[in-house]
Amino acid sequence: MADQRLLHATFWFKHAPHMPPPKKASAATSSQVHVVLGTDDARVKEAAIRIVQRITPPDAGDFANEIIEGQADNAEHAGQICSNVIQALQTMPFFGGAKIVWLKAANFLGDTQTGKAQAAVQGFENILDVLESGLGAEVQFVLSTNVIDKRRTSYKRLSKLANFEIFDKPDTSKAGWEGAVMAHANAKARELGLSFESGALDLLVQMAGDDTRQLENEIEKIDLYLGERRRCGINTVRGLVSMSRAGVIWEIGNAIGTRDLQRALELLGVLMYQGQNAIGILLGAIVPRVRSLLIVKELASKHRLITNSYSSFTNSLDMLPPSATSHVPRKKDGTGFNAYPLFLALGEASRFTLDELHNSLAACLDANSKLVTTQLDSKVVLERLLVGMLCPRKRKA
């Protein structure tokens, strides 16, 4: 009887349909891992929220999304946060279905004291191990953070798994930074049905600077103020918009252009009181305006420039020979001249002689050398520079 059962089992094993081995879990794909990265806090947060809303099924229950705050107080806290993320990724909702795990505003992934600690480094490596070993088909992971140390192997591992969106603040010390901010401001204005007179939006961007959150708040403030009116002028911007740090820096440039020494010294005092770096003020506010005044003065003395409108001015620049415009600053993408600072300087250059502007630029170089190589009080160095540039010209006898 036993032999008969053995024969039957052998027959069944030989002739039963072949069953494939269980599938091995594969690494999570870019459709399951989403990283929102950048120094622009407001845009990073908004983009992460949009992603979570987009990937959450309409019929998902209250337990479909699990948000884990990533603000670690210390290395041990960072390690605990990573453990919570792993647990969330490996735990399905009680009623089944999709699940989104969001590690929100993680602050321990950069080159900081907490970020370099073993608990933080190993904790994030453990999260990557889980992602690489495979997630459930309906599990997705979202990470939002201001910075990730790109020198680490963890960043390279994450790059192979994730879909990245990057939102960095523009560098206001470099020419052409206004372009990206202007595009964002235009999009927000269109969303609210607002339009701006010529130069008004440029003024708003310069006053708000690289702070996206403040920029949006100022546009919403203008929207409420205008009511049924839908067009904003320069005077409205001047009267309503609060100046950011970048706005104060830009106002110093305006004070230099109008040769208003008292105003320039007041604004310098504000920035120094706020703890701003003196070299940053020199290179970010004073030198760019002096350079723009000098470029415009030289171009106007040698060539015919059309100055009745911004578009006419840019067209006249484009018509000049390359030898005349080789020193004119260009946009970051290289598509054309960064002409708006020059256009602003057109009416101001008449307050200076060409020799004065050459001497002012040389004085900026001397001030930079003193700030770097001497122990002189930085505020005094910049005050002397402004006094030397902006004091009224002495009339010849």
Protein backbone atom coordinates (compact mmCIF):
# COMPACT_ATOMS: atom_id res chain seq x y z
CA MET A 1 0.00 0.00 0.00
CA ALA A 2 2.85 2.32 0.92
CA ASP A 3 4.64 1.48 -2.34
CA GLN A 4 1.45 2.30 -4.25
CA ARG A 5 1.19 5.73 -2.57
CA LEU A 6 4.85 6.42 -3.35
CA LEU A 7 4.30 5.46 -7.00
CA HIS A 8 1.28 7.74 -7.16
CA ALA A 9 3.22 10.67 -5.67
CA THR A 10 6.11 10.15 -8.10
CA PHE A 11 3.72 10.09 -11.05
CA TRP A 12 2.03 13.27 -9.88
CA PHE A 13 5.35 15.09 -9.38
CA LYS A 14 6.49 14.18 -12.89
CA HIS A 15 3.28 15.11 -14.65
CA ALA A 16 1.96 18.05 -12.55
CA PRO A 17 2.11 21.46 -14.23
CA HIS A 18 5.36 23.28 -13.41
CA MET A 19 4.87 26.16 -10.90
CA PRO A 20 7.27 29.12 -11.19
CA PRO A 21 9.35 29.98 -8.11
CA PRO A 22 8.17 32.94 -6.04
CA LYS A 23 9.30 36.28 -7.43
CA LYS A 24 12.10 38.07 -5.67
CA ALA A 25 11.25 41.62 -4.60
CA SER A 26 12.90 44.18 -6.89
CA ALA A 27 14.23 47.59 -5.93
CA ALA A 28 11.76 50.44 -5.70
CA THR A 29 11.42 52.39 -8.93
CA SER A 30 11.42 56.14 -9.54
CA SER A 31 7.63 55.97 -9.68
CA GLN A 32 7.68 54.88 -6.02
CA VAL A 33 10.38 57.18 -4.60
CA HIS A 34 10.08 60.97 -4.89
CA VAL A 35 12.66 63.47 -3.61
CA VAL A 36 11.99 67.21 -3.37
CA LEU A 37 15.21 69.07 -2.66
CA GLY A 38 16.31 72.71 -2.46
CA THR A 39 17.05 75.80 -0.43
CA ASP A 40 13.73 77.46 -1.30
CA ASP A 41 11.67 76.28 1.67
CA ALA A 42 8.32 77.48 0.39
CA ARG A 43 8.57 75.88 -3.04
CA VAL A 44 9.97 72.61 -1.64
CA LYS A 45 7.05 72.31 0.76
CA GLU A 46 4.46 73.15 -1.92
CA ALA A 47 5.97 70.70 -4.41
CA ALA A 48 6.01 67.89 -1.83
CA ILE A 49 2.36 68.54 -0.96
CA ARG A 50 1.43 68.43 -4.65
CA ILE A 51 3.21 65.10 -5.10
CA VAL A 52 1.49 63.56 -2.08
CA GLN A 53 -1.90 64.77 -3.29
CA ARG A 54 -1.24 63.49 -6.81
CA ILE A 55 -0.15 59.98 -5.85
CA THR A 56 -2.82 59.48 -3.18
CA PRO A 57 -5.75 57.49 -4.68
CA PRO A 58 -9.14 59.29 -4.47
CA ASP A 59 -10.67 56.42 -2.51
CA ALA A 60 -7.77 56.09 -0.05
CA GLY A 61 -8.75 56.07 3.60
CA ASP A 62 -7.50 58.21 6.46
CA PHE A 63 -4.65 55.81 7.14
CA ALA A 64 -3.21 55.84 3.60
CA ASN A 65 -0.72 58.68 4.25
CA GLU A 66 1.84 58.61 7.04
CA ILE A 67 3.76 61.86 7.58
CA ILE A 68 6.97 61.66 9.62
CA GLU A 69 8.49 64.98 10.67
CA GLY A 70 12.18 65.05 9.78
CA GLN A 71 13.35 67.85 12.10
CA ALA A 72 15.92 66.03 14.26
CA ASP A 73 17.13 67.65 17.48
CA ASN A 74 20.28 65.53 17.60
CA ALA A 75 21.90 62.43 16.11
CA GLU A 76 19.95 59.97 18.24
CA HIS A 77 16.70 61.67 17.26
CA ALA A 78 17.72 61.37 13.58
CA GLY A 79 18.29 57.66 14.02
CA GLN A 80 14.87 57.27 15.62
CA ILE A 81 13.22 59.17 12.77
CA CYS A 82 14.85 56.80 10.26
CA SER A 83 13.61 53.80 12.24
CA ASN A 84 10.08 55.25 12.14
CA VAL A 85 10.34 55.64 8.36
CA ILE A 86 11.43 52.02 7.92
CA GLN A 87 8.61 50.78 10.11
CA ALA A 88 6.10 52.86 8.13
CA LEU A 89 7.43 51.54 4.78
CA GLN A 90 7.15 47.94 5.93
CA THR A 91 3.70 48.24 7.53
CA MET A 92 0.67 48.11 5.27
CA PRO A 93 -2.56 49.96 6.14
CA PHE A 94 -4.95 48.00 8.35
CA PHE A 95 -7.58 47.88 5.59
CA GLY A 96 -5.08 47.34 2.76
CA GLY A 97 -4.73 49.53 -0.33
CA ALA A 98 -2.20 52.23 -1.16
CA LYS A 99 0.16 53.85 1.32
CA ILE A 100 2.31 56.99 1.03
CA VAL A 101 5.12 57.60 3.54
CA TRP A 102 6.37 61.21 3.63
CA LEU A 103 9.63 62.04 5.43
CA LYS A 104 8.98 65.76 5.74
CA ALA A 105 11.64 68.51 5.96
CA ALA A 106 14.52 66.22 6.92
CA ASN A 107 17.36 68.30 8.37
CA PHE A 108 19.97 65.59 9.00
CA LEU A 109 21.10 64.72 5.46
CA GLY A 110 23.56 67.56 4.89
CA ASP A 111 27.10 68.32 6.00
CA THR A 112 26.16 69.34 9.56
CA GLN A 113 27.17 68.11 13.00
CA THR A 114 24.00 66.05 13.25
CA GLY A 115 24.16 64.93 9.63
CA LYS A 116 27.72 63.58 10.01
CA ALA A 117 26.92 61.56 13.13
CA GLN A 118 26.96 57.78 12.77
CA ALA A 119 23.35 57.39 13.93
CA ALA A 120 22.08 59.74 11.23
CA VAL A 121 24.30 58.34 8.44
CA GLN A 122 23.53 54.70 9.26
CA GLY A 123 19.84 55.44 9.76
CA PHE A 124 19.47 56.86 6.26
CA GLU A 125 21.55 54.00 4.82
CA ASN A 126 19.06 51.61 6.44
CA ILE A 127 16.18 53.41 4.69
CA LEU A 128 17.99 52.97 1.37
CA ASP A 129 18.47 49.26 2.12
CA VAL A 130 14.71 48.90 2.46
CA LEU A 131 14.08 50.83 -0.76
CA GLU A 132 16.60 48.74 -2.67
CA SER A 133 15.22 45.47 -1.34
CA GLY A 134 11.80 46.40 -2.72
CA LEU A 135 8.57 48.05 -1.61
CA GLY A 136 5.07 46.77 -1.89
CA ALA A 137 3.42 47.51 -5.21
CA GLU A 138 1.16 50.16 -3.67
CA VAL A 139 3.71 51.78 -1.32
CA GLN A 140 5.37 55.09 -2.24
CA PHE A 141 7.98 57.16 -0.44
CA VAL A 142 8.32 60.97 -0.51
CA LEU A 143 11.35 62.80 0.91
CA SER A 144 11.53 66.59 1.24
CA THR A 145 14.69 68.30 2.45
CA ASN A 146 16.73 71.47 2.02
CA VAL A 147 20.06 69.78 1.45
CA ILE A 148 21.65 66.37 0.87
CA ASP A 149 25.41 65.88 1.05
CA LYS A 150 26.16 64.83 -2.52
CA ARG A 151 29.59 63.51 -1.62
CA ARG A 152 28.17 60.51 0.20
CA THR A 153 27.43 57.15 -1.35
CA SER A 154 23.89 57.43 0.02
CA TYR A 155 23.19 60.25 -2.43
CA LYS A 156 24.38 58.13 -5.36
CA ARG A 157 22.22 55.24 -4.19
CA LEU A 158 19.20 57.51 -3.84
CA SER A 159 19.80 59.03 -7.30
CA LYS A 160 19.39 55.57 -8.87
CA LEU A 161 16.04 55.03 -7.15
CA ALA A 162 14.28 58.39 -7.02
CA ASN A 163 12.59 60.98 -9.15
CA PHE A 164 14.13 64.35 -8.15
CA GLU A 165 12.62 67.84 -8.14
CA ILE A 166 15.00 70.66 -7.16
CA PHE A 167 14.02 74.17 -6.02
CA ASP A 168 17.01 76.32 -5.08
CA LYS A 169 16.93 80.01 -4.27
CA PRO A 170 18.74 82.11 -6.90
CA ASP A 171 22.08 83.59 -5.96
CA THR A 172 21.35 87.33 -5.73
CA SER A 173 25.07 88.13 -5.91
CA LYS A 174 25.19 86.89 -9.52
CA ALA A 175 23.88 88.66 -12.58
CA GLY A 176 20.60 87.42 -14.01
CA TRP A 177 19.16 86.05 -10.75
CA GLU A 178 15.96 88.01 -11.36
CA GLY A 179 14.92 85.80 -14.28
CA ALA A 180 13.85 82.75 -12.27
CA VAL A 181 12.14 84.87 -9.60
CA MET A 182 10.36 86.91 -12.27
CA ALA A 183 8.92 83.76 -13.84
CA HIS A 184 7.61 82.61 -10.46
CA ALA A 185 6.11 86.05 -9.77
CA ASN A 186 4.44 86.09 -13.20
CA ALA A 187 2.87 82.68 -12.57
CA LYS A 188 1.50 83.79 -9.19
CA ALA A 189 0.15 87.02 -10.68
CA ARG A 190 -1.61 85.15 -13.52
CA GLU A 191 -3.12 82.80 -10.95
CA LEU A 192 -4.69 85.81 -9.20
CA GLY A 193 -5.60 87.60 -12.44
CA LEU A 194 -3.17 90.48 -11.85
CA SER A 195 -1.16 92.46 -14.36
CA PHE A 196 1.68 94.93 -13.76
CA GLU A 197 2.64 98.19 -15.43
CA SER A 198 6.05 98.37 -17.09
CA GLY A 199 8.76 98.16 -14.44
CA ALA A 200 6.37 97.42 -11.54
CA LEU A 201 6.98 93.66 -11.47
CA ASP A 202 10.74 94.22 -11.79
CA LEU A 203 10.58 96.55 -8.79
CA LEU A 204 8.59 93.97 -6.80
CA VAL A 205 11.17 91.26 -7.54
CA GLN A 206 14.05 93.51 -6.56
CA MET A 207 12.40 94.47 -3.26
CA ALA A 208 11.31 90.94 -2.31
CA GLY A 209 14.58 89.36 -3.46
CA ASP A 210 15.03 85.59 -3.42
CA ASP A 211 12.48 84.97 -0.65
CA THR A 212 9.73 83.13 -2.52
CA ARG A 213 7.40 83.05 0.46
CA GLN A 214 7.63 86.82 0.92
CA LEU A 215 7.22 87.36 -2.82
CA GLU A 216 3.95 85.41 -2.84
CA ASN A 217 2.74 87.17 0.30
CA GLU A 218 3.43 90.56 -1.26
CA ILE A 219 1.54 89.66 -4.46
CA GLU A 220 -1.41 88.47 -2.37
CA LYS A 221 -1.24 91.73 -0.39
CA ILE A 222 -1.38 93.70 -3.65
CA ASP A 223 -4.32 91.56 -4.81
CA LEU A 224 -6.31 92.41 -1.67
CA TYR A 225 -5.41 96.10 -1.90
CA LEU A 226 -6.43 96.49 -5.55
CA GLY A 227 -9.84 94.90 -5.07
CA GLU A 228 -11.68 94.97 -8.40
CA ARG A 229 -8.79 96.75 -10.09
CA ARG A 230 -6.49 94.23 -11.67
CA ARG A 231 -3.49 96.34 -12.73
CA CYS A 232 -0.67 97.25 -10.37
CA GLY A 233 1.59 100.28 -10.84
CA ILE A 234 5.05 101.20 -9.54
CA ASN A 235 3.68 103.52 -6.83
CA THR A 236 1.51 100.70 -5.47
CA VAL A 237 4.54 98.42 -5.23
CA ARG A 238 6.60 101.10 -3.49
CA GLY A 239 3.83 101.81 -1.01
CA LEU A 240 2.86 98.23 -0.13
CA VAL A 241 5.86 95.93 -0.50
CA SER A 242 8.13 95.33 2.48
CA MET A 243 11.81 95.15 1.68
CA SER A 244 13.67 91.91 2.30
CA ARG A 245 17.42 91.78 2.87
CA ALA A 246 17.89 91.65 -0.90
CA GLY A 247 15.52 94.61 -1.19
CA VAL A 248 17.61 96.67 1.21
CA ILE A 249 20.73 95.76 -0.76
CA TRP A 250 18.99 96.85 -3.95
CA GLU A 251 17.93 100.14 -2.28
CA ILE A 252 21.57 100.85 -1.47
CA GLY A 253 22.22 100.59 -5.18
CA ASN A 254 19.39 103.04 -5.82
CA ALA A 255 20.83 105.46 -3.27
CA ILE A 256 24.20 105.25 -5.04
CA GLY A 257 22.52 105.90 -8.38
CA THR A 258 20.68 108.97 -7.07
CA ARG A 259 23.84 110.08 -5.25
CA ASP A 260 21.95 110.11 -1.94
CA LEU A 261 24.73 109.68 0.61
CA GLN A 262 22.52 109.97 3.69
CA ARG A 263 20.13 107.25 2.45
CA ALA A 264 23.01 104.95 1.47
CA LEU A 265 24.60 105.27 4.93
CA GLU A 266 21.25 104.59 6.64
CA LEU A 267 20.70 101.41 4.63
CA LEU A 268 24.29 100.30 5.26
CA GLY A 269 23.65 100.72 8.99
CA VAL A 270 20.51 98.55 8.74
CA LEU A 271 22.37 95.70 7.02
CA MET A 272 25.34 95.84 9.39
CA TYR A 273 22.97 95.82 12.37
CA GLN A 274 21.34 92.70 10.91
CA GLY A 275 24.74 91.03 10.90
CA GLN A 276 25.22 90.99 7.13
CA ASN A 277 28.73 90.31 5.80
CA ALA A 278 30.55 93.48 4.72
CA ILE A 279 32.17 91.81 1.69
CA GLY A 280 28.75 90.51 0.66
CA ILE A 281 27.33 94.06 0.84
CA LEU A 282 30.25 95.40 -1.19
CA LEU A 283 30.08 92.72 -3.91
CA GLY A 284 26.28 92.31 -3.87
CA ALA A 285 25.12 95.94 -3.68
CA ILE A 286 27.83 98.54 -4.27
CA VAL A 287 30.05 97.05 -6.98
CA PRO A 288 27.16 95.92 -9.30
CA ARG A 289 25.60 99.41 -9.32
CA VAL A 290 28.93 101.18 -9.87
CA ARG A 291 29.74 98.75 -12.68
CA SER A 292 26.33 99.30 -14.32
CA LEU A 293 26.75 103.10 -14.13
CA LEU A 294 30.22 102.87 -15.64
CA ILE A 295 29.15 100.54 -18.48
CA VAL A 296 26.19 102.74 -19.40
CA LYS A 297 28.29 105.92 -19.20
CA GLU A 298 30.95 104.49 -21.49
CA LEU A 299 28.45 103.07 -23.99
CA ALA A 300 26.49 106.33 -24.13
CA SER A 301 29.68 108.32 -24.69
CA LYS A 302 30.74 106.17 -27.67
CA HIS A 303 27.48 104.89 -29.20
CA ARG A 304 23.92 105.97 -29.78
CA LEU A 305 21.56 104.23 -27.36
CA ILE A 306 17.77 104.40 -27.60
CA THR A 307 16.54 105.02 -24.08
CA ASN A 308 12.82 105.84 -24.39
CA SER A 309 11.75 102.29 -23.36
CA TYR A 310 13.26 99.08 -22.06
CA SER A 311 12.59 97.12 -25.25
CA SER A 312 14.13 99.89 -27.40
CA PHE A 313 17.17 99.96 -25.14
CA THR A 314 17.73 96.20 -25.38
CA ASN A 315 17.32 96.34 -29.16
CA SER A 316 19.91 99.11 -29.41
CA LEU A 317 22.31 97.01 -27.32
CA ASP A 318 21.80 94.04 -29.66
CA MET A 319 22.70 96.24 -32.63
CA LEU A 320 26.06 97.27 -31.22
CA PRO A 321 29.20 95.47 -32.48
CA PRO A 322 30.48 92.60 -30.30
CA SER A 323 33.64 94.56 -29.51
CA ALA A 324 31.53 97.22 -27.80
CA THR A 325 29.48 94.82 -25.68
CA SER A 326 32.06 92.16 -24.76
CA HIS A 327 32.12 93.46 -21.17
CA VAL A 328 28.34 93.81 -20.81
CA PRO A 329 26.96 91.23 -18.34
CA ARG A 330 24.81 88.50 -19.84
CA LYS A 331 21.96 86.38 -18.52
CA LYS A 332 22.78 83.17 -16.72
CA ASP A 333 21.60 81.02 -19.64
CA GLY A 334 23.64 83.09 -22.10
CA THR A 335 20.61 83.99 -24.25
CA GLY A 336 21.16 87.76 -24.12
CA PHE A 337 22.28 90.75 -22.12
CA ASN A 338 21.28 91.23 -18.52
CA ALA A 339 20.01 94.65 -19.53
CA TYR A 340 17.57 95.65 -16.79
CA PRO A 341 20.24 96.89 -14.29
CA LEU A 342 21.78 98.90 -17.13
CA PHE A 343 18.40 100.36 -18.10
CA LEU A 344 17.85 101.46 -14.48
CA ALA A 345 21.26 103.13 -14.51
CA LEU A 346 20.56 105.17 -17.65
CA GLY A 347 19.02 108.15 -15.88
CA GLU A 348 21.49 107.96 -13.00
CA ALA A 349 24.74 107.98 -14.96
CA SER A 350 24.35 111.69 -15.73
CA ARG A 351 25.01 112.45 -12.04
CA PHE A 352 28.57 111.16 -12.39
CA THR A 353 31.49 111.90 -14.67
CA LEU A 354 33.31 109.08 -16.39
CA ASP A 355 36.42 109.74 -14.28
CA GLU A 356 34.38 109.60 -11.08
CA LEU A 357 32.97 106.20 -12.00
CA HIS A 358 36.41 104.84 -12.89
CA ASN A 359 37.73 106.15 -9.55
CA SER A 360 34.73 104.66 -7.72
CA LEU A 361 35.37 101.20 -9.16
CA ALA A 362 39.04 101.47 -8.16
CA ALA A 363 37.93 102.55 -4.67
CA CYS A 364 35.73 99.42 -4.47
CA LEU A 365 38.77 97.28 -5.22
CA ASP A 366 40.75 99.07 -2.51
CA ALA A 367 37.88 98.61 -0.01
CA ASN A 368 37.71 94.90 -0.82
CA SER A 369 41.45 94.58 -0.18
CA LYS A 370 41.11 96.35 3.19
CA LEU A 371 38.20 94.13 4.24
CA VAL A 372 40.17 90.99 3.43
CA THR A 373 43.72 91.86 4.52
CA THR A 374 43.37 94.34 7.42
CA GLN A 375 41.71 94.52 10.82
CA LEU A 376 39.95 97.81 10.08
CA ASP A 377 36.31 98.10 11.17
CA SER A 378 34.29 96.82 8.20
CA LYS A 379 31.50 99.36 8.65
CA VAL A 380 34.00 102.22 8.67
CA VAL A 381 35.61 100.89 5.47
CA LEU A 382 32.27 100.84 3.64
CA GLU A 383 31.20 104.22 5.05
CA ARG A 384 34.42 105.83 3.78
CA LEU A 385 33.85 104.22 0.40
CA LEU A 386 30.31 105.61 0.12
CA VAL A 387 31.40 109.08 1.28
CA GLY A 388 34.19 109.16 -1.28
CA MET A 389 31.86 108.09 -4.12
CA LEU A 390 28.75 110.12 -3.32
CA CYS A 391 29.96 113.44 -1.88
CA PRO A 392 28.96 116.34 -4.19
CA ARG A 393 31.50 117.20 -6.86
CA LYS A 394 33.73 120.15 -6.14
CA ARG A 395 33.29 122.85 -8.73
CA LYS A 396 36.44 124.07 -10.40
CA ALA A 397 37.31 127.70 -9.65
